[in-house]
Amino acid sequence: MALREGRFSGSNVHSLAESTVRNSLSFVASTFREHDRPNPTRDEDGELSRLLSRQFRAFKNDDPNPIQQKALPIGVLSEIAKRQTTETERAISQLAIGAFFFACRSCEYLKVPSAEKRRTDVLRLRNIRFLLNGRELDHGNSRLEFADCVAITFEWQKKDERMDTVTQMASGDALLCPVRQWAALMKRIRNYKGATDNTPVSAVWKNGRMEDVTSKMMVDALEAGVAAVGYEKLGIKKDEIGTHSIRSGAAMAMYLGECPVYTIMMIGRWSSDAFLRYIRKQVEQFSHNVSRRMLRYQYHRHIQEREPRVSHLDPRQHNHPNNAETRRNVAGDMTRRVRLPAFSLFN
């Protein structure tokens, strides 16, 4: 309860969410295990302690509904691009559109507060490559924007994935194109004094020196873009978006574009079905054509099950409680020994 009530946090924290408490205890348990001590959060069967399980459930029931940032349509990024007049606005537009096509996390292309900083490294110029007819182009090549595709290598990611390269082909659009935007960004930063291969993609020339585009600057630009398009068209309020809206919008765009699930996962570098949290079913076009497809087969025939030939009492059946392999895998405890009976009706 002390952790839940925020007694170990700052004075401005009154209560911690269930997920925060769970993660904090997970770190404590990891420390125990690193020192060859038993996990204090698990019972003797290796499962989460019943008391903790009940406590987590109670915390979750008491927590307010999570506020998710709305998925941002790429049309808003197009509006932002039309409004660019300064070097900073140009940098923000290039980063927003470029990050959209790769479903980037904010910490991968922006300077974020230390509280939001994760293990992910910010992208640098050396991580961006352009290919034309299968041959890599030098960053100084004048035909960079006409490359067939752009490849980005994410050196270190949230899930400890390293050197993960994702490729996007040119879209053919004069503005909303991953190749054109990353090429424009590359040329802009390469012209800065002191720029090298290690310069972050968030770099922008400001006040006579290289600074970084921050997450706050990006949020301000996104809010201005949403306001310009209007609530009537988007159904989004300014306070409902953030930098995560770009990643969520990318997942939504791929879904609406009928991209296969594995493509969405690979482009966004999701290692599980966690990306489904980014698909917003409140979006009007989410169910496009679904009702029509549901009418395609108005009748379907069931194939009758065959009578099982093996008795349900036979311990040789998979998942039978007396099955040797099943008992060996109970709770993941490989030290358990299975004793088979000397006599069995099914031998």
Protein backbone atom coordinates (compact mmCIF):
# COMPACT_ATOMS: atom_id res chain seq x y z
CA MET A 1 0.00 0.00 0.00
CA ALA A 2 2.89 2.35 0.68
CA LEU A 3 3.98 1.97 -2.94
CA ARG A 4 0.42 2.41 -4.18
CA GLU A 5 -0.04 5.59 -2.13
CA GLY A 6 3.14 7.07 -3.56
CA ARG A 7 5.03 7.31 -0.27
CA PHE A 8 8.30 6.64 -2.09
CA SER A 9 7.52 9.14 -4.87
CA GLY A 10 7.62 12.91 -5.13
CA SER A 11 5.28 15.19 -3.23
CA ASN A 12 3.18 15.78 -6.36
CA VAL A 13 2.33 12.05 -6.69
CA HIS A 14 -0.76 11.01 -4.75
CA SER A 15 -1.41 7.52 -6.08
CA LEU A 16 0.32 5.14 -8.49
CA ALA A 17 -1.51 3.11 -11.14
CA GLU A 18 -1.71 -0.69 -10.91
CA SER A 19 0.70 -1.13 -13.82
CA THR A 20 3.28 1.12 -12.15
CA VAL A 21 3.04 -0.80 -8.87
CA ARG A 22 3.30 -4.12 -10.72
CA ASN A 23 6.37 -2.98 -12.67
CA SER A 24 8.06 -1.65 -9.52
CA LEU A 25 7.58 -4.97 -7.73
CA SER A 26 8.88 -6.75 -10.82
CA PHE A 27 12.14 -4.79 -10.56
CA VAL A 28 12.40 -5.72 -6.87
CA ALA A 29 11.86 -9.39 -7.73
CA SER A 30 14.54 -9.19 -10.43
CA THR A 31 17.04 -7.94 -7.84
CA PHE A 32 16.25 -10.93 -5.63
CA ARG A 33 16.81 -13.33 -8.50
CA GLU A 34 20.08 -11.67 -9.53
CA HIS A 35 21.36 -12.47 -6.04
CA ASP A 36 20.24 -16.12 -6.21
CA ARG A 37 17.31 -15.53 -3.89
CA PRO A 38 13.77 -16.85 -4.48
CA ASN A 39 11.27 -14.54 -6.12
CA PRO A 40 9.25 -13.04 -3.22
CA THR A 41 6.24 -12.34 -5.47
CA ARG A 42 5.73 -16.01 -6.42
CA ASP A 43 4.30 -18.87 -4.43
CA GLU A 44 5.74 -22.39 -4.27
CA ASP A 45 4.00 -23.34 -7.54
CA GLY A 46 5.78 -20.55 -9.39
CA GLU A 47 2.58 -18.56 -9.86
CA LEU A 48 1.96 -14.97 -8.79
CA SER A 49 1.11 -14.86 -5.09
CA ARG A 50 -2.64 -15.08 -4.51
CA LEU A 51 -2.56 -12.06 -2.21
CA LEU A 52 -0.66 -9.98 -4.76
CA SER A 53 -2.97 -11.14 -7.54
CA ARG A 54 -6.01 -9.99 -5.58
CA GLN A 55 -4.33 -6.74 -4.64
CA PHE A 56 -3.43 -5.97 -8.26
CA ARG A 57 -6.99 -6.71 -9.34
CA ALA A 58 -8.35 -4.34 -6.68
CA PHE A 59 -5.90 -1.61 -7.72
CA LYS A 60 -6.89 -2.01 -11.37
CA ASN A 61 -10.59 -1.79 -10.53
CA ASP A 62 -9.97 1.42 -8.60
CA ASP A 63 -7.80 3.02 -11.28
CA PRO A 64 -9.43 5.59 -13.58
CA ASN A 65 -9.91 4.64 -17.20
CA PRO A 66 -6.63 5.05 -19.13
CA ILE A 67 -6.49 8.06 -21.42
CA GLN A 68 -5.10 6.99 -24.78
CA GLN A 69 -3.77 9.48 -27.28
CA LYS A 70 -5.85 9.57 -30.45
CA ALA A 71 -4.46 8.15 -33.68
CA LEU A 72 -3.37 10.99 -35.95
CA PRO A 73 -4.33 10.86 -39.66
CA ILE A 74 -1.50 11.66 -42.04
CA GLY A 75 -3.63 14.48 -43.47
CA VAL A 76 -2.82 16.48 -40.31
CA LEU A 77 0.90 16.08 -41.06
CA SER A 78 0.22 17.33 -44.58
CA GLU A 79 -1.43 20.42 -43.08
CA ILE A 80 1.61 20.99 -40.85
CA ALA A 81 3.89 20.78 -43.89
CA LYS A 82 1.89 23.50 -45.67
CA ARG A 83 2.35 25.88 -42.73
CA GLN A 84 6.15 25.67 -42.43
CA THR A 85 7.90 29.03 -42.72
CA THR A 86 10.93 28.72 -40.40
CA GLU A 87 13.83 26.28 -40.19
CA THR A 88 12.39 24.77 -37.00
CA GLU A 89 8.96 24.28 -38.58
CA ARG A 90 10.60 22.64 -41.57
CA ALA A 91 12.52 20.26 -39.30
CA ILE A 92 9.37 19.38 -37.33
CA SER A 93 7.45 18.63 -40.53
CA GLN A 94 10.19 16.38 -41.93
CA LEU A 95 10.52 14.49 -38.67
CA ALA A 96 6.77 14.01 -38.25
CA ILE A 97 6.18 12.62 -41.75
CA GLY A 98 9.39 10.58 -41.74
CA ALA A 99 8.58 9.07 -38.33
CA PHE A 100 5.00 8.32 -39.40
CA PHE A 101 6.06 5.93 -42.16
CA PHE A 102 8.24 3.97 -39.72
CA ALA A 103 5.85 4.15 -36.74
CA CYS A 104 8.69 5.59 -34.67
CA ARG A 105 8.63 6.06 -30.92
CA SER A 106 9.11 9.69 -29.90
CA CYS A 107 12.45 8.97 -28.21
CA GLU A 108 13.79 7.63 -31.52
CA TYR A 109 13.64 10.95 -33.38
CA LEU A 110 13.09 13.69 -30.77
CA LYS A 111 14.76 15.01 -27.66
CA VAL A 112 12.48 13.85 -24.84
CA PRO A 113 12.49 14.61 -21.09
CA SER A 114 14.61 12.27 -18.99
CA ALA A 115 11.44 10.81 -17.45
CA GLU A 116 10.38 9.57 -20.91
CA LYS A 117 13.84 8.36 -21.89
CA ARG A 118 14.06 4.62 -22.42
CA ARG A 119 16.75 2.25 -23.58
CA THR A 120 15.99 3.25 -27.15
CA ASP A 121 18.72 5.30 -28.82
CA VAL A 122 17.87 8.35 -30.90
CA LEU A 123 18.45 7.85 -34.62
CA ARG A 124 21.54 9.39 -36.14
CA LEU A 125 22.44 10.23 -39.73
CA ARG A 126 24.52 7.07 -40.03
CA ASN A 127 21.36 5.02 -39.43
CA ILE A 128 19.67 6.34 -42.60
CA ARG A 129 20.47 4.75 -45.97
CA PHE A 130 19.07 5.33 -49.45
CA LEU A 131 19.05 2.80 -52.28
CA LEU A 132 18.54 3.32 -56.00
CA ASN A 133 18.40 0.31 -58.31
CA GLY A 134 19.81 -1.82 -55.51
CA ARG A 135 22.84 0.42 -54.94
CA GLU A 136 23.36 2.53 -51.83
CA LEU A 137 23.64 6.27 -52.42
CA ASP A 138 26.06 8.52 -50.62
CA HIS A 139 24.41 11.10 -48.36
CA GLY A 140 25.83 13.83 -50.55
CA ASN A 141 24.27 12.45 -53.74
CA SER A 142 22.10 15.01 -55.55
CA ARG A 143 19.58 12.29 -56.50
CA LEU A 144 18.91 11.25 -52.92
CA GLU A 145 15.22 12.19 -53.08
CA PHE A 146 14.75 10.00 -56.15
CA ALA A 147 15.93 6.82 -54.42
CA ASP A 148 13.72 3.74 -54.63
CA CYS A 149 13.65 3.21 -50.89
CA VAL A 150 15.00 4.37 -47.55
CA ALA A 151 16.29 1.97 -44.90
CA ILE A 152 16.57 2.88 -41.22
CA THR A 153 18.60 0.84 -38.74
CA PHE A 154 17.42 1.07 -35.15
CA GLU A 155 20.56 0.30 -33.17
CA TRP A 156 19.04 -0.21 -29.73
CA GLN A 157 15.35 -0.52 -28.96
CA LYS A 158 12.97 -0.76 -26.05
CA LYS A 159 12.88 -4.59 -26.02
CA ASP A 160 16.68 -4.89 -26.22
CA GLU A 161 16.42 -5.53 -29.97
CA ARG A 162 19.59 -4.38 -31.69
CA MET A 163 20.48 -3.39 -35.26
CA ASP A 164 16.93 -3.82 -36.56
CA THR A 165 16.63 -2.48 -40.12
CA VAL A 166 13.27 -1.45 -41.60
CA THR A 167 12.80 -0.42 -45.22
CA GLN A 168 10.12 1.74 -46.84
CA MET A 169 9.67 2.21 -50.58
CA ALA A 170 8.93 5.60 -52.12
CA SER A 171 5.19 6.34 -52.06
CA GLY A 172 5.14 8.37 -55.26
CA ASP A 173 3.59 11.36 -53.48
CA ALA A 174 5.44 14.65 -53.80
CA LEU A 175 5.03 15.43 -50.09
CA LEU A 176 3.88 12.37 -48.14
CA CYS A 177 6.78 10.14 -49.08
CA PRO A 178 9.28 8.51 -46.68
CA VAL A 179 12.13 8.74 -49.18
CA ARG A 180 11.59 12.42 -50.00
CA GLN A 181 11.18 13.48 -46.37
CA TRP A 182 14.20 11.62 -45.02
CA ALA A 183 16.26 12.84 -48.00
CA ALA A 184 15.22 16.45 -47.31
CA LEU A 185 16.09 15.98 -43.63
CA MET A 186 19.46 14.52 -44.55
CA LYS A 187 20.35 17.40 -46.86
CA ARG A 188 19.19 20.00 -44.33
CA ILE A 189 21.28 18.63 -41.45
CA ARG A 190 24.34 17.90 -43.63
CA ASN A 191 24.48 21.62 -44.42
CA TYR A 192 24.83 22.52 -40.74
CA LYS A 193 28.27 23.46 -39.51
CA GLY A 194 29.79 20.59 -37.55
CA ALA A 195 27.30 17.94 -38.74
CA THR A 196 28.70 14.38 -38.88
CA ASP A 197 27.42 10.83 -39.25
CA ASN A 198 26.78 10.85 -35.49
CA THR A 199 24.52 13.92 -35.57
CA PRO A 200 21.01 13.03 -34.34
CA VAL A 201 18.10 13.36 -36.75
CA SER A 202 16.47 15.75 -34.25
CA ALA A 203 19.12 18.41 -35.01
CA VAL A 204 17.97 21.87 -36.09
CA TRP A 205 19.91 25.11 -36.61
CA LYS A 206 18.68 27.61 -34.05
CA ASN A 207 20.21 30.62 -32.33
CA GLY A 208 23.38 30.25 -34.38
CA ARG A 209 24.05 26.66 -33.34
CA MET A 210 22.73 23.12 -33.60
CA GLU A 211 19.95 22.34 -31.15
CA ASP A 212 17.32 19.59 -30.98
CA VAL A 213 13.66 19.39 -31.87
CA THR A 214 11.97 18.48 -28.58
CA SER A 215 8.84 16.47 -27.92
CA LYS A 216 7.08 19.62 -26.67
CA MET A 217 7.80 21.40 -29.94
CA MET A 218 6.35 18.45 -31.83
CA VAL A 219 3.21 18.34 -29.67
CA ASP A 220 2.66 22.09 -30.18
CA ALA A 221 2.90 21.59 -33.97
CA LEU A 222 0.51 18.61 -33.91
CA GLU A 223 -2.01 20.57 -31.85
CA ALA A 224 -1.82 23.47 -34.33
CA GLY A 225 -2.35 21.04 -37.21
CA VAL A 226 -5.38 19.43 -35.55
CA ALA A 227 -6.87 22.86 -34.85
CA ALA A 228 -6.33 23.89 -38.49
CA VAL A 229 -8.10 20.82 -39.87
CA GLY A 230 -10.92 21.13 -37.35
CA TYR A 231 -12.84 18.98 -34.88
CA GLU A 232 -15.73 18.48 -37.31
CA LYS A 233 -13.49 16.62 -39.75
CA LEU A 234 -11.25 14.75 -37.28
CA GLY A 235 -13.32 14.29 -34.13
CA ILE A 236 -10.11 15.01 -32.20
CA LYS A 237 -9.51 17.68 -29.58
CA LYS A 238 -6.14 19.31 -29.07
CA ASP A 239 -5.67 17.81 -25.61
CA GLU A 240 -6.27 14.28 -26.94
CA ILE A 241 -3.06 14.02 -28.95
CA GLY A 242 0.64 13.74 -28.25
CA THR A 243 3.80 12.40 -29.83
CA HIS A 244 2.42 8.87 -29.41
CA SER A 245 -0.38 9.86 -31.80
CA ILE A 246 2.07 9.56 -34.71
CA ARG A 247 2.94 5.94 -33.90
CA SER A 248 -0.72 5.14 -33.27
CA GLY A 249 -1.71 6.88 -36.50
CA ALA A 250 0.83 4.85 -38.45
CA ALA A 251 -0.63 1.57 -37.13
CA MET A 252 -4.13 2.82 -37.93
CA ALA A 253 -3.13 3.87 -41.46
CA MET A 254 -1.61 0.47 -42.19
CA TYR A 255 -4.71 -1.27 -40.84
CA LEU A 256 -7.08 0.88 -42.91
CA GLY A 257 -4.81 0.27 -45.90
CA GLU A 258 -5.44 -3.48 -45.38
CA CYS A 259 -1.78 -4.24 -44.69
CA PRO A 260 -1.26 -7.77 -43.30
CA VAL A 261 -0.85 -8.03 -39.55
CA TYR A 262 2.74 -9.25 -39.87
CA THR A 263 3.58 -6.19 -42.00
CA ILE A 264 2.23 -3.84 -39.32
CA MET A 265 4.23 -5.68 -36.66
CA MET A 266 7.47 -5.60 -38.68
CA ILE A 267 7.22 -1.96 -39.77
CA GLY A 268 6.36 -0.80 -36.24
CA ARG A 269 8.79 -3.31 -34.67
CA TRP A 270 6.14 -4.79 -32.40
CA SER A 271 7.25 -8.19 -31.13
CA SER A 272 3.73 -9.27 -30.16
CA ASP A 273 0.10 -8.34 -30.72
CA ALA A 274 0.68 -5.29 -28.50
CA PHE A 275 0.21 -3.15 -31.61
CA LEU A 276 -3.53 -3.87 -31.37
CA ARG A 277 -3.64 -1.27 -28.60
CA TYR A 278 -2.80 1.31 -31.25
CA ILE A 279 -5.71 0.36 -33.50
CA ARG A 280 -8.54 2.69 -32.52
CA LYS A 281 -11.91 1.04 -33.15
CA GLN A 282 -13.60 4.40 -32.54
CA VAL A 283 -12.28 5.57 -35.92
CA GLU A 284 -15.20 5.76 -38.33
CA GLN A 285 -13.38 3.92 -41.13
CA PHE A 286 -12.30 1.12 -38.76
CA SER A 287 -15.23 -1.09 -39.78
CA HIS A 288 -15.19 -0.10 -43.45
CA ASN A 289 -16.68 -2.92 -45.56
CA VAL A 290 -16.94 -5.22 -42.51
CA SER A 291 -20.75 -5.37 -42.54
CA ARG A 292 -20.72 -6.09 -46.28
CA ARG A 293 -18.19 -8.88 -45.86
CA MET A 294 -20.27 -10.38 -43.05
CA LEU A 295 -23.03 -10.99 -45.60
CA ARG A 296 -20.78 -12.91 -47.98
CA TYR A 297 -21.63 -16.31 -46.47
CA GLN A 298 -25.18 -16.17 -45.13
CA TYR A 299 -25.22 -19.90 -44.41
CA HIS A 300 -22.48 -22.26 -43.36
CA ARG A 301 -22.48 -25.97 -42.67
CA HIS A 302 -21.00 -27.59 -39.59
CA ILE A 303 -18.95 -30.75 -39.98
CA GLN A 304 -19.91 -33.25 -37.32
CA GLU A 305 -17.23 -34.30 -34.88
CA ARG A 306 -16.17 -37.92 -34.98
CA GLU A 307 -16.51 -39.97 -31.83
CA PRO A 308 -13.14 -40.06 -30.03
CA ARG A 309 -11.43 -43.43 -30.39
CA VAL A 310 -9.35 -42.96 -27.27
CA SER A 311 -10.94 -43.06 -23.86
CA HIS A 312 -10.79 -39.79 -21.92
CA LEU A 313 -9.44 -41.86 -19.03
CA ASP A 314 -6.36 -42.94 -20.99
CA PRO A 315 -3.33 -41.19 -19.38
CA ARG A 316 -1.52 -41.29 -22.73
CA GLN A 317 -3.73 -38.46 -24.00
CA HIS A 318 -2.15 -35.02 -24.30
CA ASN A 319 -3.00 -32.76 -21.31
CA HIS A 320 -4.34 -35.67 -19.25
CA PRO A 321 -3.45 -34.92 -15.58
CA ASN A 322 -1.60 -38.25 -15.33
CA ASN A 323 0.19 -37.84 -18.65
CA ALA A 324 3.94 -37.96 -18.08
CA GLU A 325 4.75 -35.01 -20.32
CA THR A 326 1.92 -32.92 -18.89
CA ARG A 327 2.98 -33.49 -15.30
CA ARG A 328 6.58 -32.74 -16.18
CA ASN A 329 5.59 -29.30 -17.47
CA VAL A 330 3.30 -28.28 -14.61
CA ALA A 331 4.21 -24.74 -13.48
CA GLY A 332 7.37 -24.99 -15.53
CA ASP A 333 9.06 -27.01 -12.79
CA MET A 334 11.35 -29.40 -14.63
CA THR A 335 12.65 -30.92 -11.39
CA ARG A 336 9.45 -32.83 -10.75
CA ARG A 337 9.69 -36.56 -11.37
CA VAL A 338 6.81 -38.50 -12.82
CA ARG A 339 6.16 -41.97 -11.43
CA LEU A 340 4.34 -44.17 -13.90
CA PRO A 341 2.20 -46.96 -12.41
CA ALA A 342 3.56 -50.51 -12.64
CA PHE A 343 0.20 -51.64 -14.01
CA SER A 344 -2.32 -49.74 -16.17
CA LEU A 345 -5.47 -50.78 -17.99
CA PHE A 346 -4.25 -48.88 -21.05
CA ASN A 347 -0.81 -50.55 -21.32
